[in-house]
Protein backbone atom coordinates (compact mmCIF):
# COMPACT_ATOMS: atom_id res chain seq x y z
CA MET A 1 -30.09 26.24 -40.46
CA HIS A 2 -28.86 29.58 -39.12
CA LYS A 3 -28.20 30.97 -42.59
CA LYS A 4 -30.03 34.15 -43.44
CA TYR A 5 -33.13 33.47 -45.54
CA PRO A 6 -35.04 36.03 -47.75
CA PHE A 7 -37.89 37.37 -45.81
CA ASP A 8 -40.59 39.99 -46.20
CA PRO A 9 -42.52 41.03 -43.10
CA SER A 10 -45.23 42.88 -45.21
CA ILE A 11 -48.68 41.72 -44.18
CA LYS A 12 -49.89 42.87 -47.61
CA HIS A 13 -47.62 40.44 -49.38
CA HIS A 14 -48.55 37.57 -47.09
CA LEU A 15 -52.22 38.19 -47.70
CA LEU A 16 -51.44 38.03 -51.50
CA ILE A 17 -49.86 34.65 -50.82
CA ALA A 18 -53.03 33.60 -48.91
CA ILE A 19 -55.20 34.70 -51.84
CA GLY A 20 -53.01 32.78 -54.25
CA LEU A 21 -53.59 29.64 -52.13
CA VAL A 22 -57.37 30.17 -52.35
CA VAL A 23 -57.17 30.22 -56.20
CA TRP A 24 -54.59 27.50 -56.55
CA ILE A 25 -56.19 25.01 -54.26
CA PHE A 26 -59.60 25.38 -55.80
CA MET A 27 -58.26 25.21 -59.37
CA PHE A 28 -56.12 22.16 -58.63
CA LEU A 29 -59.03 20.25 -57.02
CA TYR A 30 -61.52 21.31 -59.62
CA PHE A 31 -59.56 20.37 -62.68
CA THR A 32 -57.48 17.38 -61.53
CA GLU A 33 -60.32 15.68 -59.48
CA PRO A 34 -57.99 13.67 -57.18
CA LEU A 35 -59.49 10.65 -55.48
CA ASP A 36 -63.17 11.12 -54.62
CA VAL A 37 -63.49 14.69 -55.87
CA SER A 38 -64.63 13.16 -59.16
CA ASP A 39 -67.77 11.86 -57.31
CA PHE A 40 -68.93 15.47 -56.70
CA ASP A 41 -71.31 16.90 -59.24
CA ALA A 42 -70.78 20.46 -60.58
CA THR A 43 -72.78 22.09 -57.78
CA GLU A 44 -71.04 20.14 -55.03
CA LYS A 45 -67.68 21.15 -56.39
CA LEU A 46 -68.57 24.78 -56.17
CA ILE A 47 -69.88 24.32 -52.69
CA TYR A 48 -67.07 22.25 -51.11
CA LEU A 49 -63.85 22.78 -53.08
CA PRO A 50 -63.66 26.62 -52.36
CA GLY A 51 -63.85 25.64 -48.64
CA TYR A 52 -60.46 23.84 -48.88
CA GLY A 53 -59.00 26.94 -50.55
CA PHE A 54 -60.24 29.22 -47.90
CA ILE A 55 -59.10 26.90 -45.14
CA GLY A 56 -55.62 26.78 -46.63
CA ALA A 57 -55.44 30.58 -46.79
CA LEU A 58 -56.97 30.97 -43.33
CA LEU A 59 -54.35 28.66 -41.87
CA TYR A 60 -51.50 30.51 -43.56
CA VAL A 61 -52.86 33.76 -41.99
CA ILE A 62 -53.18 32.13 -38.55
CA VAL A 63 -49.53 31.16 -38.51
CA LEU A 64 -48.31 34.67 -39.26
CA PRO A 65 -48.34 35.74 -35.51
CA PHE A 66 -46.06 32.65 -34.84
CA GLN A 67 -43.81 34.01 -37.64
CA ASN A 68 -43.61 37.38 -35.86
CA TRP A 69 -42.72 35.64 -32.62
CA LEU A 70 -39.92 33.70 -34.35
CA LEU A 71 -38.71 36.92 -35.92
CA LYS A 72 -38.39 38.84 -32.66
CA ARG A 73 -36.80 35.83 -30.94
CA LYS A 74 -34.02 35.92 -33.52
CA SER A 75 -33.29 39.59 -33.17
CA SER A 76 -35.28 40.57 -36.29
CA GLN A 77 -33.20 38.27 -38.53
CA TRP A 78 -35.02 35.50 -40.42
CA THR A 79 -33.04 32.26 -40.94
CA LEU A 80 -33.51 29.09 -43.00
CA GLY A 81 -34.29 27.31 -39.68
CA ASN A 82 -37.18 29.72 -38.93
CA GLU A 83 -38.56 29.13 -42.35
CA ILE A 84 -38.54 25.33 -41.91
CA VAL A 85 -40.15 25.55 -38.49
CA LEU A 86 -42.91 27.83 -39.76
CA LEU A 87 -43.67 25.52 -42.76
CA CYS A 88 -43.75 22.48 -40.38
CA VAL A 89 -46.18 24.26 -38.11
CA PHE A 90 -48.41 25.17 -41.09
CA CYS A 91 -48.38 21.59 -42.23
CA LEU A 92 -49.28 20.07 -38.76
CA LEU A 93 -52.09 22.64 -38.35
CA SER A 94 -53.36 21.91 -41.88
CA LEU A 95 -53.50 18.19 -41.19
CA PHE A 96 -55.63 18.75 -38.07
CA VAL A 97 -58.07 21.32 -39.48
CA LEU A 98 -58.51 19.54 -42.79
CA ARG A 99 -59.32 16.37 -41.07
CA LEU A 100 -61.96 18.09 -39.07
CA TYR A 101 -63.34 19.80 -42.22
CA TYR A 102 -63.55 16.31 -43.88
CA LEU A 103 -65.33 14.69 -40.91
CA PHE A 104 -67.77 17.53 -40.10
CA ILE A 105 -68.49 19.06 -43.46
CA ILE A 106 -67.67 16.72 -46.29
CA VAL A 107 -68.96 13.35 -44.92
CA ASN A 108 -70.75 14.39 -41.76
CA TRP A 109 -69.38 11.48 -39.75
CA HIS A 110 -70.54 9.01 -42.39
CA PRO A 111 -69.83 5.41 -41.19
CA ASN A 112 -67.85 4.71 -44.41
CA ARG A 113 -65.53 7.69 -43.96
CA TYR A 114 -61.73 7.32 -44.37
CA ASP A 115 -59.86 6.24 -41.36
CA LEU A 116 -57.20 8.59 -39.99
CA PHE A 117 -54.13 6.75 -41.37
CA TYR A 118 -55.44 6.40 -44.89
CA HIS A 119 -56.73 9.93 -44.96
CA VAL A 120 -53.48 11.44 -43.85
CA LYS A 121 -51.25 9.22 -45.90
CA SER A 122 -53.12 9.08 -49.18
CA ILE A 123 -54.97 12.38 -49.30
CA LEU A 124 -53.90 15.10 -46.83
CA LEU A 125 -50.12 14.75 -47.12
CA PRO A 126 -50.14 14.73 -50.96
CA ALA A 127 -52.46 17.73 -50.93
CA ILE A 128 -50.24 19.62 -48.56
CA LEU A 129 -47.13 18.79 -50.64
CA THR A 130 -49.05 20.22 -53.65
CA ILE A 131 -49.78 23.51 -51.69
CA LEU A 132 -46.26 23.96 -50.16
CA PRO A 133 -44.48 24.93 -53.37
CA ILE A 134 -46.85 27.86 -53.81
CA ILE A 135 -46.05 29.07 -50.31
CA ILE A 136 -42.32 28.52 -50.56
CA ILE A 137 -42.03 30.25 -53.95
CA GLY A 138 -44.24 33.15 -52.97
CA ARG A 139 -42.40 33.75 -49.67
CA PHE A 140 -39.03 33.43 -51.35
CA ALA A 141 -39.96 35.77 -54.14
CA PHE A 142 -41.30 38.48 -51.94
CA GLY A 143 -38.32 38.06 -49.60
CA LYS A 144 -35.85 38.52 -52.46
CA TYR A 145 -37.78 41.57 -53.63
CA LYS A 146 -37.64 42.97 -50.13
CA ASP A 147 -33.88 42.29 -49.93
CA LYS A 148 -33.30 44.06 -53.25
CA LYS A 149 -35.27 47.10 -52.17
CA ILE A 150 -33.21 47.33 -48.90
CA GLU A 151 -29.98 46.86 -50.79
CA ASP A 152 -30.90 49.68 -53.18
CA GLN A 153 -31.56 52.01 -50.20
CA LYS A 154 -28.12 51.32 -48.63
CA ILE A 155 -25.30 53.84 -48.42
CA GLU A 156 -21.71 52.93 -48.89
CA ILE A 157 -18.92 54.27 -46.75
CA GLN A 158 -15.83 53.75 -48.78
CA GLY A 159 -12.31 53.37 -47.64
CA GLU A 160 -9.08 54.03 -49.51
CA GLY A 161 -8.46 50.35 -50.09
CA ASN A 162 -10.04 48.58 -53.05
CA TYR A 163 -12.17 46.23 -50.82
CA GLU A 164 -12.43 48.37 -47.80
CA SER A 165 -16.02 49.72 -47.55
CA LEU A 166 -19.18 49.37 -45.54
CA ARG A 167 -22.75 49.17 -46.91
CA LEU A 168 -25.60 49.77 -44.59
CA LEU A 169 -28.99 51.55 -44.24
CA LEU A 170 -28.60 55.21 -43.35
CA ASN A 171 -30.90 54.74 -40.21
CA ASP A 172 -28.65 51.89 -39.02
CA LEU A 173 -25.67 54.32 -38.78
CA ILE A 174 -25.37 55.96 -35.38
CA SER A 175 -22.04 57.89 -35.41
CA ILE A 176 -18.57 58.04 -36.89
CA GLN A 177 -15.40 58.88 -34.91
CA SER A 178 -12.05 59.85 -36.35
CA SER A 179 -9.13 57.53 -35.33
CA ASP A 180 -5.80 58.72 -36.77
CA ASN A 181 -5.90 57.79 -40.50
CA TYR A 182 -9.19 55.74 -39.96
CA VAL A 183 -12.77 56.30 -39.02
CA GLU A 184 -14.67 54.14 -36.54
CA VAL A 185 -18.22 53.58 -37.80
CA PHE A 186 -20.74 52.66 -35.04
CA TYR A 187 -23.92 51.06 -36.48
CA LEU A 188 -26.78 48.65 -35.82
CA ASP A 189 -26.91 45.08 -37.25
CA GLY A 190 -30.47 44.20 -36.30
CA ASN A 191 -30.61 45.21 -32.53
CA VAL A 192 -26.80 44.67 -32.04
CA LEU A 193 -24.27 47.45 -31.93
CA LYS A 194 -21.27 46.91 -34.17
CA LYS A 195 -18.16 48.91 -35.01
CA SER A 196 -16.08 48.86 -38.17
CA LEU A 197 -12.74 50.47 -38.82
CA ILE A 198 -12.24 52.05 -42.25
CA ARG A 199 -9.29 53.81 -43.69
CA ASN A 200 -10.61 57.32 -44.61
CA THR A 201 -10.89 60.78 -43.22
CA LEU A 202 -13.86 62.14 -41.35
CA SER A 203 -14.03 65.18 -43.64
CA LYS A 204 -14.35 63.11 -46.75
CA VAL A 205 -17.08 60.97 -45.10
CA ALA A 206 -18.97 64.09 -43.97
CA ASP A 207 -18.72 65.60 -47.39
CA SER A 208 -20.15 62.46 -48.97
CA PHE A 209 -23.16 62.32 -46.66
CA PRO A 210 -24.74 65.65 -46.01
CA GLU A 211 -27.50 63.91 -44.00
CA LEU A 212 -25.02 63.52 -41.23
CA LEU A 213 -24.22 66.18 -38.64
CA ARG A 214 -20.69 67.32 -37.56
CA THR A 215 -20.55 67.88 -33.79
CA HIS A 216 -16.79 67.92 -33.22
CA ARG A 217 -13.65 67.80 -35.33
CA SER A 218 -13.47 64.12 -34.47
CA PHE A 219 -17.19 63.19 -34.57
CA ILE A 220 -20.20 63.15 -36.94
CA ILE A 221 -23.60 61.71 -36.06
CA ASN A 222 -26.77 60.61 -37.56
CA PRO A 223 -29.52 62.92 -36.21
CA PHE A 224 -31.99 60.08 -36.55
CA HIS A 225 -30.45 58.51 -33.34
CA PHE A 226 -30.42 61.63 -31.27
CA LYS A 227 -31.84 61.08 -27.76
CA SER A 228 -31.00 63.91 -25.43
CA TRP A 229 -28.53 66.74 -24.45
CA LYS A 230 -26.09 66.50 -21.63
CA THR A 231 -23.86 68.98 -19.94
CA GLU A 232 -20.94 67.86 -17.73
CA LYS A 233 -18.52 70.32 -16.18
CA GLY A 234 -19.39 72.96 -18.82
CA LYS A 235 -18.91 70.54 -21.72
CA HIS A 236 -21.89 69.74 -24.12
CA LEU A 237 -22.61 66.14 -25.04
CA LEU A 238 -25.19 64.41 -27.09
CA SER A 239 -26.76 60.98 -26.06
CA LEU A 240 -27.48 58.72 -28.97
CA ALA A 241 -29.01 55.23 -29.37
CA GLN A 242 -27.13 52.35 -27.67
CA ASP A 243 -25.89 54.71 -24.91
CA ILE A 244 -23.40 56.26 -27.21
CA GLU A 245 -22.25 59.78 -26.11
CA VAL A 246 -20.43 62.21 -28.41
CA PRO A 247 -19.00 65.74 -27.49
CA ILE A 248 -20.03 68.96 -29.14
CA SER A 249 -17.35 71.49 -29.59
CA LYS A 250 -18.11 75.25 -29.37
CA THR A 251 -17.35 75.57 -33.16
CA TYR A 252 -20.36 73.41 -33.97
CA LEU A 253 -22.60 74.05 -31.00
CA GLU A 254 -25.08 76.58 -32.60
CA GLN A 255 -25.26 74.45 -35.88
CA VAL A 256 -25.99 71.38 -33.93
CA LYS A 257 -28.71 73.07 -31.88
CA THR A 258 -30.33 74.51 -34.95
CA GLN A 259 -30.38 71.25 -36.87
CA LEU A 260 -31.42 69.07 -34.03
CA HIS A 261 -34.19 71.48 -33.00
CA SER A 262 -35.57 71.41 -36.54
CA THR A 263 -35.30 67.64 -36.72
CA THR A 264 -37.16 67.04 -33.41
CA GLU A 265 -39.94 69.59 -33.98
């Protein structure tokens, strides 16, 4: 349940899923004519059946704010449990709204209308189970596409060992500190600060990634996370994200000032 699940937060892609629902629901009802849909004439089909499609799409869009709330609650990591909860909420909301649509629009409270139990068991649940695969497949496909794009954008800090490396987005990297024959990499995993120890030299890492900025013989930083300048007892420091502070040596002071001023302008 807590396993990471493919997820794409793009509203544009979720709207495409909603449009797909409109088309799929209408086509399914129009051509398969389940239950009493066959009683509709051609005009009634064009009047009532698109309504089911638009309701399905609207309900999907309505649950998206709940999706965003779940995402923030889990520190921006989407899990299989989140996906199941979201789909359950969508199903329950669909049962409620489709029942009202049937009562108010389709039969207008006709005395021979379906009772609640039969309607839910024989019509609404099978209909929702027909809709769910479209949502699941669409969400999974867009999620995998998003994961692939993110993976392609990652940099790799390699170590001297065959399996010793760290892949991450450049903007998740905060700073790197030399530690004997190793480097300590400080980076973000979601909103959580993490540290990895990799066997390599700071000079080799700095040469591999010119986007990073050398501030000291023992430190390089990602200018993206620069917050402010500090001076303590005549020593210059940089404040970075996650309350990380790194020193600036006199050797690199002017270069750091020039690059950070150009970055923040």
